[in-house]
Amino acid sequence: MNKKGFSIIYGLMLGVVVFILALALAPGLKQVVTEQMNDIELNCSGATDYQTRSVCTSMDMNNLYIILLMGIGGILIVRAI
């Protein structure tokens, strides 16, 4: 194998690792967000403490985070081919 072959294999492996990482993190993030959303006292518009702010931010950014990781993995795989 030459240098190009090794770089293709390395890129595919890296892309698959990032893609699997996104799939592995998705259920955990969804569970935390679901638990916090069911809390009656959660008020994101008037968040005053750091825990409430972090929960509201994670609820807002959850889907974007997973989509970005899957997109990066897809870009790495496509670039390697």
PDB file of N, CA and C in Angstrom:
ATOM      1  N   MET A   1       0.825  -1.185   0.000  1.00  0.00           N
ATOM      2  CA  MET A   1       0.000   0.000   0.000  1.00  0.00           C
ATOM      3  C   MET A   1       0.871   1.250   0.000  1.00  0.00           C
ATOM      4  N   ASN A   2       0.380   2.222  -0.697  1.00  0.00           N
ATOM      5  CA  ASN A   2       1.108   3.489  -0.716  1.00  0.00           C
ATOM      6  C   ASN A   2       0.506   4.462   0.298  1.00  0.00           C
ATOM      7  N   LYS A   3       1.005   5.688   0.291  1.00  0.00           N
ATOM      8  CA  LYS A   3       0.557   6.698   1.249  1.00  0.00           C
ATOM      9  C   LYS A   3      -0.929   7.015   1.099  1.00  0.00           C
ATOM     10  N   LYS A   4      -1.420   7.055  -0.130  1.00  0.00           N
ATOM     11  CA  LYS A   4      -2.817   7.388  -0.364  1.00  0.00           C
ATOM     12  C   LYS A   4      -3.745   6.315   0.203  1.00  0.00           C
ATOM     13  N   GLY A   5      -3.356   5.071   0.072  1.00  0.00           N
ATOM     14  CA  GLY A   5      -4.165   3.979   0.614  1.00  0.00           C
ATOM     15  C   GLY A   5      -4.265   4.037   2.128  1.00  0.00           C
ATOM     16  N   PHE A   6      -3.144   4.327   2.772  1.00  0.00           N
ATOM     17  CA  PHE A   6      -3.153   4.450   4.229  1.00  0.00           C
ATOM     18  C   PHE A   6      -3.983   5.640   4.688  1.00  0.00           C
ATOM     19  N   SER A   7      -3.907   6.742   3.955  1.00  0.00           N
ATOM     20  CA  SER A   7      -4.684   7.917   4.351  1.00  0.00           C
ATOM     21  C   SER A   7      -6.185   7.673   4.162  1.00  0.00           C
ATOM     22  N   ILE A   8      -6.573   6.905   3.153  1.00  0.00           N
ATOM     23  CA  ILE A   8      -7.981   6.558   2.950  1.00  0.00           C
ATOM     24  C   ILE A   8      -8.477   5.699   4.110  1.00  0.00           C
ATOM     25  N   ILE A   9      -7.710   4.694   4.479  1.00  0.00           N
ATOM     26  CA  ILE A   9      -8.102   3.814   5.582  1.00  0.00           C
ATOM     27  C   ILE A   9      -8.170   4.598   6.887  1.00  0.00           C
ATOM     28  N   TYR A  10      -7.200   5.449   7.133  1.00  0.00           N
ATOM     29  CA  TYR A  10      -7.178   6.259   8.355  1.00  0.00           C
ATOM     30  C   TYR A  10      -8.375   7.201   8.397  1.00  0.00           C
ATOM     31  N   GLY A  11      -8.688   7.839   7.297  1.00  0.00           N
ATOM     32  CA  GLY A  11      -9.838   8.742   7.245  1.00  0.00           C
ATOM     33  C   GLY A  11     -11.153   8.020   7.478  1.00  0.00           C
ATOM     34  N   LEU A  12     -11.299   6.830   6.883  1.00  0.00           N
ATOM     35  CA  LEU A  12     -12.513   6.044   7.112  1.00  0.00           C
ATOM     36  C   LEU A  12     -12.646   5.644   8.575  1.00  0.00           C
ATOM     37  N   MET A  13     -11.542   5.201   9.176  1.00  0.00           N
ATOM     38  CA  MET A  13     -11.585   4.805  10.587  1.00  0.00           C
ATOM     39  C   MET A  13     -11.948   5.998  11.469  1.00  0.00           C
ATOM     40  N   LEU A  14     -11.359   7.136  11.218  1.00  0.00           N
ATOM     41  CA  LEU A  14     -11.631   8.329  12.012  1.00  0.00           C
ATOM     42  C   LEU A  14     -13.089   8.765  11.864  1.00  0.00           C
ATOM     43  N   GLY A  15     -13.597   8.732  10.646  1.00  0.00           N
ATOM     44  CA  GLY A  15     -14.987   9.092  10.409  1.00  0.00           C
ATOM     45  C   GLY A  15     -15.962   8.154  11.094  1.00  0.00           C
ATOM     46  N   VAL A  16     -15.682   6.864  11.053  1.00  0.00           N
ATOM     47  CA  VAL A  16     -16.550   5.881  11.704  1.00  0.00           C
ATOM     48  C   VAL A  16     -16.515   6.057  13.217  1.00  0.00           C
ATOM     49  N   VAL A  17     -15.357   6.358  13.780  1.00  0.00           N
ATOM     50  CA  VAL A  17     -15.250   6.573  15.230  1.00  0.00           C
ATOM     51  C   VAL A  17     -16.090   7.777  15.653  1.00  0.00           C
ATOM     52  N   VAL A  18     -16.023   8.864  14.923  1.00  0.00           N
ATOM     53  CA  VAL A  18     -16.803  10.065  15.261  1.00  0.00           C
ATOM     54  C   VAL A  18     -18.294   9.777  15.116  1.00  0.00           C
ATOM     55  N   PHE A  19     -18.678   9.054  14.076  1.00  0.00           N
ATOM     56  CA  PHE A  19     -20.078   8.709  13.843  1.00  0.00           C
ATOM     57  C   PHE A  19     -20.603   7.823  14.968  1.00  0.00           C
ATOM     58  N   ILE A  20     -19.832   6.824  15.381  1.00  0.00           N
ATOM     59  CA  ILE A  20     -20.243   5.936  16.475  1.00  0.00           C
ATOM     60  C   ILE A  20     -20.298   6.704  17.790  1.00  0.00           C
ATOM     61  N   LEU A  21     -19.391   7.637  17.998  1.00  0.00           N
ATOM     62  CA  LEU A  21     -19.420   8.469  19.197  1.00  0.00           C
ATOM     63  C   LEU A  21     -20.724   9.262  19.275  1.00  0.00           C
ATOM     64  N   ALA A  22     -21.153   9.814  18.156  1.00  0.00           N
ATOM     65  CA  ALA A  22     -22.412  10.564  18.134  1.00  0.00           C
ATOM     66  C   ALA A  22     -23.587   9.658  18.460  1.00  0.00           C
ATOM     67  N   LEU A  23     -23.597   8.450  17.907  1.00  0.00           N
ATOM     68  CA  LEU A  23     -24.684   7.518  18.181  1.00  0.00           C
ATOM     69  C   LEU A  23     -24.663   7.041  19.625  1.00  0.00           C
ATOM     70  N   ALA A  24     -23.490   6.931  20.222  1.00  0.00           N
ATOM     71  CA  ALA A  24     -23.380   6.474  21.607  1.00  0.00           C
ATOM     72  C   ALA A  24     -23.815   7.550  22.591  1.00  0.00           C
ATOM     73  N   LEU A  25     -23.570   8.817  22.278  1.00  0.00           N
ATOM     74  CA  LEU A  25     -23.924   9.898  23.189  1.00  0.00           C
ATOM     75  C   LEU A  25     -25.389  10.320  23.098  1.00  0.00           C
ATOM     76  N   ALA A  26     -26.039  10.018  22.005  1.00  0.00           N
ATOM     77  CA  ALA A  26     -27.407  10.480  21.793  1.00  0.00           C
ATOM     78  C   ALA A  26     -28.396   9.978  22.852  1.00  0.00           C
ATOM     79  N   PRO A  27     -28.443   8.693  23.194  1.00  0.00           N
ATOM     80  CA  PRO A  27     -29.437   8.252  24.187  1.00  0.00           C
ATOM     81  C   PRO A  27     -29.213   8.851  25.576  1.00  0.00           C
ATOM     82  N   GLY A  28     -27.978   8.986  25.992  1.00  0.00           N
ATOM     83  CA  GLY A  28     -27.696   9.570  27.302  1.00  0.00           C
ATOM     84  C   GLY A  28     -28.137  11.018  27.401  1.00  0.00           C
ATOM     85  N   LEU A  29     -27.842  11.792  26.371  1.00  0.00           N
ATOM     86  CA  LEU A  29     -28.268  13.191  26.356  1.00  0.00           C
ATOM     87  C   LEU A  29     -29.788  13.302  26.329  1.00  0.00           C
ATOM     88  N   LYS A  30     -30.418  12.439  25.555  1.00  0.00           N
ATOM     89  CA  LYS A  30     -31.874  12.475  25.468  1.00  0.00           C
ATOM     90  C   LYS A  30     -32.519  12.126  26.807  1.00  0.00           C
ATOM     91  N   GLN A  31     -31.948  11.169  27.539  1.00  0.00           N
ATOM     92  CA  GLN A  31     -32.492  10.777  28.830  1.00  0.00           C
ATOM     93  C   GLN A  31     -32.391  11.919  29.839  1.00  0.00           C
ATOM     94  N   VAL A  32     -31.249  12.570  29.895  1.00  0.00           N
ATOM     95  CA  VAL A  32     -31.065  13.688  30.831  1.00  0.00           C
ATOM     96  C   VAL A  32     -32.032  14.821  30.499  1.00  0.00           C
ATOM     97  N   VAL A  33     -32.160  15.140  29.239  1.00  0.00           N
ATOM     98  CA  VAL A  33     -33.045  16.229  28.839  1.00  0.00           C
ATOM     99  C   VAL A  33     -34.500  15.885  29.142  1.00  0.00           C
ATOM    100  N   THR A  34     -34.898  14.639  28.894  1.00  0.00           N
ATOM    101  CA  THR A  34     -36.277  14.224  29.165  1.00  0.00           C
ATOM    102  C   THR A  34     -36.587  14.298  30.652  1.00  0.00           C
ATOM    103  N   GLU A  35     -35.656  13.852  31.485  1.00  0.00           N
ATOM    104  CA  GLU A  35     -35.871  13.931  32.932  1.00  0.00           C
ATOM    105  C   GLU A  35     -36.031  15.370  33.396  1.00  0.00           C
ATOM    106  N   GLN A  36     -35.209  16.256  32.878  1.00  0.00           N
ATOM    107  CA  GLN A  36     -35.269  17.651  33.303  1.00  0.00           C
ATOM    108  C   GLN A  36     -36.488  18.376  32.732  1.00  0.00           C
ATOM    109  N   MET A  37     -36.927  17.992  31.536  1.00  0.00           N
ATOM    110  CA  MET A  37     -38.095  18.635  30.947  1.00  0.00           C
ATOM    111  C   MET A  37     -39.367  18.277  31.707  1.00  0.00           C
ATOM    112  N   ASN A  38     -39.391  17.104  32.341  1.00  0.00           N
ATOM    113  CA  ASN A  38     -40.570  16.695  33.096  1.00  0.00           C
ATOM    114  C   ASN A  38     -40.643  17.364  34.462  1.00  0.00           C
ATOM    115  N   ASP A  39     -39.617  18.090  34.842  1.00  0.00           N
ATOM    116  CA  ASP A  39     -39.623  18.816  36.105  1.00  0.00           C
ATOM    117  C   ASP A  39     -40.559  20.012  35.993  1.00  0.00           C
ATOM    118  N   ILE A  40     -41.498  20.094  36.898  1.00  0.00           N
ATOM    119  CA  ILE A  40     -42.499  21.159  36.851  1.00  0.00           C
ATOM    120  C   ILE A  40     -41.877  22.520  37.145  1.00  0.00           C
ATOM    121  N   GLU A  41     -40.848  22.557  37.963  1.00  0.00           N
ATOM    122  CA  GLU A  41     -40.273  23.823  38.384  1.00  0.00           C
ATOM    123  C   GLU A  41     -39.241  24.397  37.413  1.00  0.00           C
ATOM    124  N   LEU A  42     -39.037  23.750  36.269  1.00  0.00           N
ATOM    125  CA  LEU A  42     -38.047  24.228  35.309  1.00  0.00           C
ATOM    126  C   LEU A  42     -38.591  25.450  34.565  1.00  0.00           C
ATOM    127  N   ASN A  43     -37.885  26.548  34.690  1.00  0.00           N
ATOM    128  CA  ASN A  43     -38.276  27.788  34.030  1.00  0.00           C
ATOM    129  C   ASN A  43     -37.048  28.336  33.308  1.00  0.00           C
ATOM    130  N   CYS A  44     -36.956  28.081  32.020  1.00  0.00           N
ATOM    131  CA  CYS A  44     -35.772  28.479  31.263  1.00  0.00           C
ATOM    132  C   CYS A  44     -35.717  29.983  31.008  1.00  0.00           C
ATOM    133  N   SER A  45     -36.851  30.641  31.002  1.00  0.00           N
ATOM    134  CA  SER A  45     -36.826  32.079  30.728  1.00  0.00           C
ATOM    135  C   SER A  45     -36.305  32.872  31.924  1.00  0.00           C
ATOM    136  N   GLY A  46     -36.424  32.316  33.130  1.00  0.00           N
ATOM    137  CA  GLY A  46     -35.946  33.030  34.299  1.00  0.00           C
ATOM    138  C   GLY A  46     -34.895  32.253  35.061  1.00  0.00           C
ATOM    139  N   ALA A  47     -34.002  31.597  34.341  1.00  0.00           N
ATOM    140  CA  ALA A  47     -32.974  30.774  34.982  1.00  0.00           C
ATOM    141  C   ALA A  47     -31.991  31.649  35.753  1.00  0.00           C
ATOM    142  N   THR A  48     -31.802  31.336  37.035  1.00  0.00           N
ATOM    143  CA  THR A  48     -30.908  32.135  37.859  1.00  0.00           C
ATOM    144  C   THR A  48     -29.669  31.383  38.315  1.00  0.00           C
ATOM    145  N   ASP A  49     -29.756  30.064  38.487  1.00  0.00           N
ATOM    146  CA  ASP A  49     -28.579  29.321  38.940  1.00  0.00           C
ATOM    147  C   ASP A  49     -27.933  28.590  37.765  1.00  0.00           C
ATOM    148  N   TYR A  50     -26.714  28.152  37.988  1.00  0.00           N
ATOM    149  CA  TYR A  50     -25.934  27.540  36.905  1.00  0.00           C
ATOM    150  C   TYR A  50     -26.498  26.202  36.458  1.00  0.00           C
ATOM    151  N   GLN A  51     -27.078  25.437  37.379  1.00  0.00           N
ATOM    152  CA  GLN A  51     -27.627  24.132  37.011  1.00  0.00           C
ATOM    153  C   GLN A  51     -28.813  24.296  36.066  1.00  0.00           C
ATOM    154  N   THR A  52     -29.703  25.213  36.367  1.00  0.00           N
ATOM    155  CA  THR A  52     -30.858  25.442  35.494  1.00  0.00           C
ATOM    156  C   THR A  52     -30.411  25.979  34.147  1.00  0.00           C
ATOM    157  N   ARG A  53     -29.444  26.866  34.139  1.00  0.00           N
ATOM    158  CA  ARG A  53     -28.929  27.388  32.862  1.00  0.00           C
ATOM    159  C   ARG A  53     -28.322  26.278  32.018  1.00  0.00           C
ATOM    160  N   SER A  54     -27.572  25.381  32.660  1.00  0.00           N
ATOM    161  CA  SER A  54     -26.939  24.301  31.901  1.00  0.00           C
ATOM    162  C   SER A  54     -27.973  23.321  31.360  1.00  0.00           C
ATOM    163  N   VAL A  55     -29.022  23.053  32.127  1.00  0.00           N
ATOM    164  CA  VAL A  55     -30.086  22.162  31.647  1.00  0.00           C
ATOM    165  C   VAL A  55     -30.797  22.787  30.464  1.00  0.00           C
ATOM    166  N   CYS A  56     -31.122  24.064  30.564  1.00  0.00           N
ATOM    167  CA  CYS A  56     -31.808  24.736  29.459  1.00  0.00           C
ATOM    168  C   CYS A  56     -30.930  24.796  28.209  1.00  0.00           C
ATOM    169  N   THR A  57     -29.644  25.048  28.391  1.00  0.00           N
ATOM    170  CA  THR A  57     -28.724  25.079  27.253  1.00  0.00           C
ATOM    171  C   THR A  57     -28.583  23.700  26.626  1.00  0.00           C
ATOM    172  N   SER A  58     -28.496  22.660  27.442  1.00  0.00           N
ATOM    173  CA  SER A  58     -28.356  21.313  26.885  1.00  0.00           C
ATOM    174  C   SER A  58     -29.621  20.889  26.156  1.00  0.00           C
ATOM    175  N   MET A  59     -30.787  21.336  26.632  1.00  0.00           N
ATOM    176  CA  MET A  59     -32.020  21.018  25.917  1.00  0.00           C
ATOM    177  C   MET A  59     -32.045  21.708  24.560  1.00  0.00           C
ATOM    178  N   ASP A  60     -31.551  22.935  24.521  1.00  0.00           N
ATOM    179  CA  ASP A  60     -31.554  23.677  23.265  1.00  0.00           C
ATOM    180  C   ASP A  60     -30.520  23.141  22.278  1.00  0.00           C
ATOM    181  N   MET A  61     -29.365  22.712  22.780  1.00  0.00           N
ATOM    182  CA  MET A  61     -28.256  22.328  21.915  1.00  0.00           C
ATOM    183  C   MET A  61     -28.157  20.827  21.657  1.00  0.00           C
ATOM    184  N   ASN A  62     -29.033  20.016  22.249  1.00  0.00           N
ATOM    185  CA  ASN A  62     -28.929  18.561  22.150  1.00  0.00           C
ATOM    186  C   ASN A  62     -28.945  18.081  20.701  1.00  0.00           C
ATOM    187  N   ASN A  63     -29.955  18.468  19.956  1.00  0.00           N
ATOM    188  CA  ASN A  63     -30.067  18.000  18.573  1.00  0.00           C
ATOM    189  C   ASN A  63     -28.941  18.544  17.704  1.00  0.00           C
ATOM    190  N   LEU A  64     -28.574  19.795  17.914  1.00  0.00           N
ATOM    191  CA  LEU A  64     -27.497  20.396  17.136  1.00  0.00           C
ATOM    192  C   LEU A  64     -26.174  19.670  17.378  1.00  0.00           C
ATOM    193  N   TYR A  65     -25.923  19.295  18.623  1.00  0.00           N
ATOM    194  CA  TYR A  65     -24.687  18.598  18.982  1.00  0.00           C
ATOM    195  C   TYR A  65     -24.591  17.254  18.263  1.00  0.00           C
ATOM    196  N   ILE A  66     -25.658  16.486  18.279  1.00  0.00           N
ATOM    197  CA  ILE A  66     -25.660  15.171  17.632  1.00  0.00           C
ATOM    198  C   ILE A  66     -25.547  15.330  16.120  1.00  0.00           C
ATOM    199  N   ILE A  67     -26.255  16.288  15.549  1.00  0.00           N
ATOM    200  CA  ILE A  67     -26.198  16.506  14.101  1.00  0.00           C
ATOM    201  C   ILE A  67     -24.796  16.936  13.679  1.00  0.00           C
ATOM    202  N   LEU A  68     -24.157  17.793  14.458  1.00  0.00           N
ATOM    203  CA  LEU A  68     -22.796  18.229  14.136  1.00  0.00           C
ATOM    204  C   LEU A  68     -21.815  17.060  14.183  1.00  0.00           C
ATOM    205  N   LEU A  69     -21.911  16.218  15.205  1.00  0.00           N
ATOM    206  CA  LEU A  69     -21.016  15.061  15.275  1.00  0.00           C
ATOM    207  C   LEU A  69     -21.233  14.109  14.100  1.00  0.00           C
ATOM    208  N   MET A  70     -22.488  13.848  13.756  1.00  0.00           N
ATOM    209  CA  MET A  70     -22.757  12.977  12.608  1.00  0.00           C
ATOM    210  C   MET A  70     -22.277  13.620  11.310  1.00  0.00           C
ATOM    211  N   GLY A  71     -22.440  14.922  11.196  1.00  0.00           N
ATOM    212  CA  GLY A  71     -21.960  15.625  10.008  1.00  0.00           C
ATOM    213  C   GLY A  71     -20.443  15.571   9.877  1.00  0.00           C
ATOM    214  N   ILE A  72     -19.740  15.762  10.987  1.00  0.00           N
ATOM    215  CA  ILE A  72     -18.277  15.675  10.955  1.00  0.00           C
ATOM    216  C   ILE A  72     -17.835  14.275  10.571  1.00  0.00           C
ATOM    217  N   GLY A  73     -18.498  13.261  11.143  1.00  0.00           N
ATOM    218  CA  GLY A  73     -18.172  11.881  10.778  1.00  0.00           C
ATOM    219  C   GLY A  73     -18.431  11.613   9.297  1.00  0.00           C
ATOM    220  N   GLY A  74     -19.553  12.121   8.791  1.00  0.00           N
ATOM    221  CA  GLY A  74     -19.865  11.947   7.369  1.00  0.00           C
ATOM    222  C   GLY A  74     -18.883  12.658   6.470  1.00  0.00           C
ATOM    223  N   ILE A  75     -18.480  13.848   6.853  1.00  0.00           N
ATOM    224  CA  ILE A  75     -17.489  14.586   6.057  1.00  0.00           C
ATOM    225  C   ILE A  75     -16.162  13.845   6.029  1.00  0.00           C
ATOM    226  N   LEU A  76     -15.736  13.316   7.175  1.00  0.00           N
ATOM    227  CA  LEU A  76     -14.493  12.559   7.211  1.00  0.00           C
ATOM    228  C   LEU A  76     -14.558  11.320   6.327  1.00  0.00           C
ATOM    229  N   ILE A  77     -15.703  10.626   6.347  1.00  0.00           N
ATOM    230  CA  ILE A  77     -15.840   9.419   5.526  1.00  0.00           C
ATOM    231  C   ILE A  77     -15.839   9.789   4.047  1.00  0.00           C
ATOM    232  N   VAL A  78     -16.601  10.813   3.667  1.00  0.00           N
ATOM    233  CA  VAL A  78     -16.665  11.216   2.264  1.00  0.00           C
ATOM    234  C   VAL A  78     -15.303  11.727   1.782  1.00  0.00           C
ATOM    235  N   ARG A  79     -14.624  12.470   2.630  1.00  0.00           N
ATOM    236  CA  ARG A  79     -13.303  12.998   2.243  1.00  0.00           C
ATOM    237  C   ARG A  79     -12.278  11.885   2.064  1.00  0.00           C
ATOM    238  N   ALA A  80     -12.413  10.819   2.832  1.00  0.00           N
ATOM    239  CA  ALA A  80     -11.454   9.725   2.737  1.00  0.00           C
ATOM    240  C   ALA A  80     -11.651   8.920   1.457  1.00  0.00           C
ATOM    241  N   ILE A  81     -12.865   8.914   0.941  1.00  0.00           N
ATOM    242  CA  ILE A  81     -13.137   8.093  -0.255  1.00  0.00           C
ATOM    243  C   ILE A  81     -12.689   8.778  -1.484  1.00  0.00           C
TER     244      ILE A  81
END
